[in-house]
Amino acid sequence: MLEHVGSFLSVFVTNILYTYYIKAVNRDKHLLAAVWSSGISLIASTTVLFYVDNHWTLISVGLGAFFGTLVGMKVKGSNESPDK
């Protein structure tokens, strides 16, 4: 059970970080994009460790990706000014 929660959370956070990474790339913020990219790589590598041992955790990975992107886009959208 713990590996399902861990895989869900790691992909959830990874997808939130991806939204900030894409935002930094679009704004030509090189250093900030590099920082987000490092975080993405580190967290995503833990996800691989979860599903290599138990392929059933891929269900949690898919759910984490869906909800992480959904939350990341909502948070990203609420931080943007209306004129952008």
N, C-alpha and C. Protein backbone atom coordinates (compact mmCIF):
# COMPACT_ATOMS: atom_id res chain seq x y z
N MET A 1 0.82 -1.20 0.00
CA MET A 1 0.00 0.00 0.00
C MET A 1 0.87 1.27 0.00
N LEU A 2 1.94 1.21 0.76
CA LEU A 2 2.82 2.37 0.86
C LEU A 2 3.46 2.71 -0.50
N GLU A 3 3.77 1.69 -1.28
CA GLU A 3 4.36 1.97 -2.60
C GLU A 3 3.35 2.60 -3.55
N HIS A 4 2.06 2.31 -3.38
CA HIS A 4 1.04 2.96 -4.21
C HIS A 4 0.92 4.44 -3.85
N VAL A 5 0.93 4.72 -2.57
CA VAL A 5 0.86 6.12 -2.12
C VAL A 5 2.13 6.86 -2.56
N GLY A 6 3.28 6.24 -2.40
CA GLY A 6 4.54 6.87 -2.80
C GLY A 6 4.60 7.15 -4.29
N SER A 7 4.17 6.18 -5.09
CA SER A 7 4.21 6.39 -6.55
C SER A 7 3.20 7.46 -6.97
N PHE A 8 2.02 7.46 -6.35
CA PHE A 8 1.03 8.50 -6.66
C PHE A 8 1.60 9.88 -6.34
N LEU A 9 2.14 10.04 -5.13
CA LEU A 9 2.65 11.34 -4.71
C LEU A 9 3.85 11.80 -5.53
N SER A 10 4.73 10.88 -5.88
CA SER A 10 5.92 11.30 -6.65
C SER A 10 5.52 11.78 -8.05
N VAL A 11 4.58 11.11 -8.69
CA VAL A 11 4.14 11.55 -10.01
C VAL A 11 3.29 12.80 -9.90
N PHE A 12 2.48 12.89 -8.86
CA PHE A 12 1.66 14.08 -8.60
C PHE A 12 2.55 15.32 -8.51
N VAL A 13 3.58 15.24 -7.69
CA VAL A 13 4.49 16.38 -7.52
C VAL A 13 5.28 16.63 -8.80
N THR A 14 5.72 15.57 -9.48
CA THR A 14 6.45 15.73 -10.73
C THR A 14 5.64 16.51 -11.76
N ASN A 15 4.35 16.20 -11.88
CA ASN A 15 3.53 16.90 -12.86
C ASN A 15 3.27 18.35 -12.48
N ILE A 16 3.18 18.63 -11.20
CA ILE A 16 3.06 20.03 -10.78
C ILE A 16 4.34 20.78 -11.15
N LEU A 17 5.49 20.15 -10.88
CA LEU A 17 6.76 20.79 -11.24
C LEU A 17 6.88 21.00 -12.74
N TYR A 18 6.36 20.07 -13.53
CA TYR A 18 6.38 20.22 -14.99
C TYR A 18 5.65 21.49 -15.44
N THR A 19 4.54 21.81 -14.80
CA THR A 19 3.82 23.02 -15.21
C THR A 19 4.67 24.27 -14.95
N TYR A 20 5.41 24.27 -13.84
CA TYR A 20 6.28 25.40 -13.55
C TYR A 20 7.50 25.41 -14.47
N TYR A 21 7.99 24.23 -14.82
CA TYR A 21 9.11 24.14 -15.77
C TYR A 21 8.72 24.71 -17.13
N ILE A 22 7.57 24.31 -17.62
CA ILE A 22 7.10 24.80 -18.93
C ILE A 22 6.89 26.31 -18.89
N LYS A 23 6.36 26.79 -17.78
CA LYS A 23 6.16 28.24 -17.64
C LYS A 23 7.50 28.98 -17.67
N ALA A 24 8.51 28.44 -17.00
CA ALA A 24 9.84 29.06 -16.99
C ALA A 24 10.47 29.03 -18.38
N VAL A 25 10.32 27.93 -19.10
CA VAL A 25 10.87 27.82 -20.45
C VAL A 25 10.19 28.83 -21.37
N ASN A 26 8.88 28.94 -21.27
CA ASN A 26 8.15 29.89 -22.12
C ASN A 26 8.55 31.33 -21.86
N ARG A 27 8.98 31.62 -20.65
CA ARG A 27 9.38 32.99 -20.31
C ARG A 27 10.88 33.22 -20.42
N ASP A 28 11.60 32.24 -20.98
CA ASP A 28 13.06 32.33 -21.15
C ASP A 28 13.80 32.54 -19.84
N LYS A 29 13.34 31.91 -18.79
CA LYS A 29 14.02 31.94 -17.48
C LYS A 29 14.90 30.70 -17.39
N HIS A 30 16.12 30.81 -17.89
CA HIS A 30 17.01 29.67 -18.04
C HIS A 30 17.35 29.00 -16.72
N LEU A 31 17.79 29.77 -15.76
CA LEU A 31 18.20 29.21 -14.47
C LEU A 31 17.02 28.57 -13.75
N LEU A 32 15.88 29.24 -13.75
CA LEU A 32 14.70 28.71 -13.10
C LEU A 32 14.24 27.42 -13.77
N ALA A 33 14.28 27.37 -15.09
CA ALA A 33 13.91 26.14 -15.82
C ALA A 33 14.86 25.01 -15.46
N ALA A 34 16.14 25.31 -15.30
CA ALA A 34 17.12 24.28 -14.93
C ALA A 34 16.85 23.75 -13.52
N VAL A 35 16.47 24.63 -12.62
CA VAL A 35 16.14 24.19 -11.25
C VAL A 35 14.93 23.28 -11.25
N TRP A 36 13.86 23.69 -11.96
CA TRP A 36 12.66 22.84 -12.05
C TRP A 36 12.99 21.51 -12.70
N SER A 37 13.83 21.52 -13.72
CA SER A 37 14.21 20.29 -14.42
C SER A 37 14.94 19.33 -13.49
N SER A 38 15.82 19.85 -12.65
CA SER A 38 16.53 19.01 -11.70
C SER A 38 15.57 18.35 -10.71
N GLY A 39 14.63 19.14 -10.21
CA GLY A 39 13.63 18.59 -9.30
C GLY A 39 12.79 17.51 -9.95
N ILE A 40 12.41 17.74 -11.19
CA ILE A 40 11.62 16.76 -11.94
C ILE A 40 12.39 15.46 -12.08
N SER A 41 13.65 15.55 -12.46
CA SER A 41 14.46 14.34 -12.65
C SER A 41 14.64 13.56 -11.36
N LEU A 42 14.90 14.26 -10.28
CA LEU A 42 15.11 13.58 -9.00
C LEU A 42 13.84 12.87 -8.51
N ILE A 43 12.72 13.55 -8.60
CA ILE A 43 11.48 12.95 -8.12
C ILE A 43 11.01 11.85 -9.07
N ALA A 44 11.14 12.07 -10.37
CA ALA A 44 10.71 11.06 -11.34
C ALA A 44 11.52 9.77 -11.20
N SER A 45 12.77 9.88 -10.82
CA SER A 45 13.58 8.66 -10.66
C SER A 45 13.07 7.81 -9.50
N THR A 46 12.52 8.41 -8.47
CA THR A 46 11.94 7.61 -7.38
C THR A 46 10.70 6.87 -7.87
N THR A 47 9.97 7.45 -8.79
CA THR A 47 8.79 6.79 -9.35
C THR A 47 9.19 5.49 -10.03
N VAL A 48 10.27 5.54 -10.78
CA VAL A 48 10.73 4.34 -11.49
C VAL A 48 11.05 3.24 -10.48
N LEU A 49 11.66 3.60 -9.38
CA LEU A 49 11.98 2.59 -8.37
C LEU A 49 10.73 1.92 -7.82
N PHE A 50 9.63 2.67 -7.71
CA PHE A 50 8.38 2.08 -7.22
C PHE A 50 7.81 1.07 -8.21
N TYR A 51 7.72 1.43 -9.48
CA TYR A 51 7.01 0.54 -10.40
C TYR A 51 7.88 -0.55 -11.01
N VAL A 52 9.19 -0.48 -10.84
CA VAL A 52 10.03 -1.58 -11.30
C VAL A 52 9.78 -2.82 -10.43
N ASP A 53 9.60 -2.61 -9.14
CA ASP A 53 9.37 -3.73 -8.22
C ASP A 53 7.94 -4.25 -8.27
N ASN A 54 6.98 -3.37 -8.55
CA ASN A 54 5.57 -3.77 -8.53
C ASN A 54 4.85 -3.05 -9.66
N HIS A 55 4.53 -3.78 -10.72
CA HIS A 55 3.90 -3.16 -11.88
C HIS A 55 2.49 -2.67 -11.59
N TRP A 56 1.87 -3.13 -10.54
CA TRP A 56 0.53 -2.66 -10.18
C TRP A 56 0.54 -1.18 -9.75
N THR A 57 1.70 -0.68 -9.37
CA THR A 57 1.77 0.73 -8.98
C THR A 57 1.62 1.66 -10.19
N LEU A 58 1.66 1.11 -11.40
CA LEU A 58 1.43 1.94 -12.59
C LEU A 58 0.02 2.55 -12.58
N ILE A 59 -0.91 1.89 -11.93
CA ILE A 59 -2.25 2.47 -11.78
C ILE A 59 -2.16 3.75 -10.96
N SER A 60 -1.42 3.71 -9.87
CA SER A 60 -1.22 4.91 -9.04
C SER A 60 -0.45 5.98 -9.78
N VAL A 61 0.50 5.56 -10.61
CA VAL A 61 1.28 6.50 -11.42
C VAL A 61 0.36 7.26 -12.38
N GLY A 62 -0.53 6.54 -13.05
CA GLY A 62 -1.47 7.19 -13.97
C GLY A 62 -2.38 8.17 -13.27
N LEU A 63 -2.89 7.77 -12.10
CA LEU A 63 -3.75 8.67 -11.34
C LEU A 63 -2.98 9.89 -10.84
N GLY A 64 -1.75 9.68 -10.40
CA GLY A 64 -0.92 10.79 -9.94
C GLY A 64 -0.62 11.77 -11.06
N ALA A 65 -0.38 11.25 -12.26
CA ALA A 65 -0.12 12.12 -13.42
C ALA A 65 -1.35 12.96 -13.75
N PHE A 66 -2.51 12.32 -13.74
CA PHE A 66 -3.75 13.04 -14.05
C PHE A 66 -4.00 14.17 -13.05
N PHE A 67 -4.01 13.81 -11.77
CA PHE A 67 -4.33 14.80 -10.74
C PHE A 67 -3.22 15.83 -10.55
N GLY A 68 -1.97 15.43 -10.74
CA GLY A 68 -0.86 16.38 -10.63
C GLY A 68 -0.93 17.45 -11.71
N THR A 69 -1.24 17.04 -12.93
CA THR A 69 -1.37 18.01 -14.02
C THR A 69 -2.57 18.90 -13.80
N LEU A 70 -3.67 18.31 -13.36
CA LEU A 70 -4.88 19.09 -13.10
C LEU A 70 -4.63 20.15 -12.04
N VAL A 71 -4.02 19.77 -10.94
CA VAL A 71 -3.73 20.72 -9.86
C VAL A 71 -2.68 21.74 -10.31
N GLY A 72 -1.64 21.26 -11.00
CA GLY A 72 -0.60 22.18 -11.47
C GLY A 72 -1.14 23.24 -12.40
N MET A 73 -2.04 22.87 -13.29
CA MET A 73 -2.63 23.84 -14.21
C MET A 73 -3.55 24.81 -13.48
N LYS A 74 -4.29 24.33 -12.49
CA LYS A 74 -5.16 25.22 -11.72
C LYS A 74 -4.33 26.21 -10.90
N VAL A 75 -3.26 25.74 -10.26
CA VAL A 75 -2.39 26.62 -9.48
C VAL A 75 -1.69 27.60 -10.41
N LYS A 76 -1.17 27.11 -11.53
CA LYS A 76 -0.49 27.96 -12.50
C LYS A 76 -1.44 29.03 -13.03
N GLY A 77 -2.67 28.62 -13.32
CA GLY A 77 -3.66 29.56 -13.84
C GLY A 77 -4.04 30.63 -12.85
N SER A 78 -4.10 30.27 -11.57
CA SER A 78 -4.50 31.25 -10.57
C SER A 78 -3.38 32.24 -10.26
N ASN A 79 -2.13 31.89 -10.61
CA ASN A 79 -0.99 32.77 -10.36
C ASN A 79 -0.75 33.74 -11.53
N GLU A 80 -1.41 33.53 -12.64
CA GLU A 80 -1.17 34.37 -13.82
C GLU A 80 -2.06 35.61 -13.76
N SER A 81 -1.54 36.69 -14.31
CA SER A 81 -2.34 37.90 -14.37
C SER A 81 -3.34 37.79 -15.52
N PRO A 82 -4.47 38.47 -15.45
CA PRO A 82 -5.51 38.35 -16.46
C PRO A 82 -5.09 38.79 -17.85
N ASP A 83 -4.07 39.63 -17.98
CA ASP A 83 -3.69 40.13 -19.30
C ASP A 83 -2.75 39.19 -20.05
N LYS A 84 -2.42 38.04 -19.49
CA LYS A 84 -1.50 37.10 -20.16
C LYS A 84 -2.24 35.91 -20.71
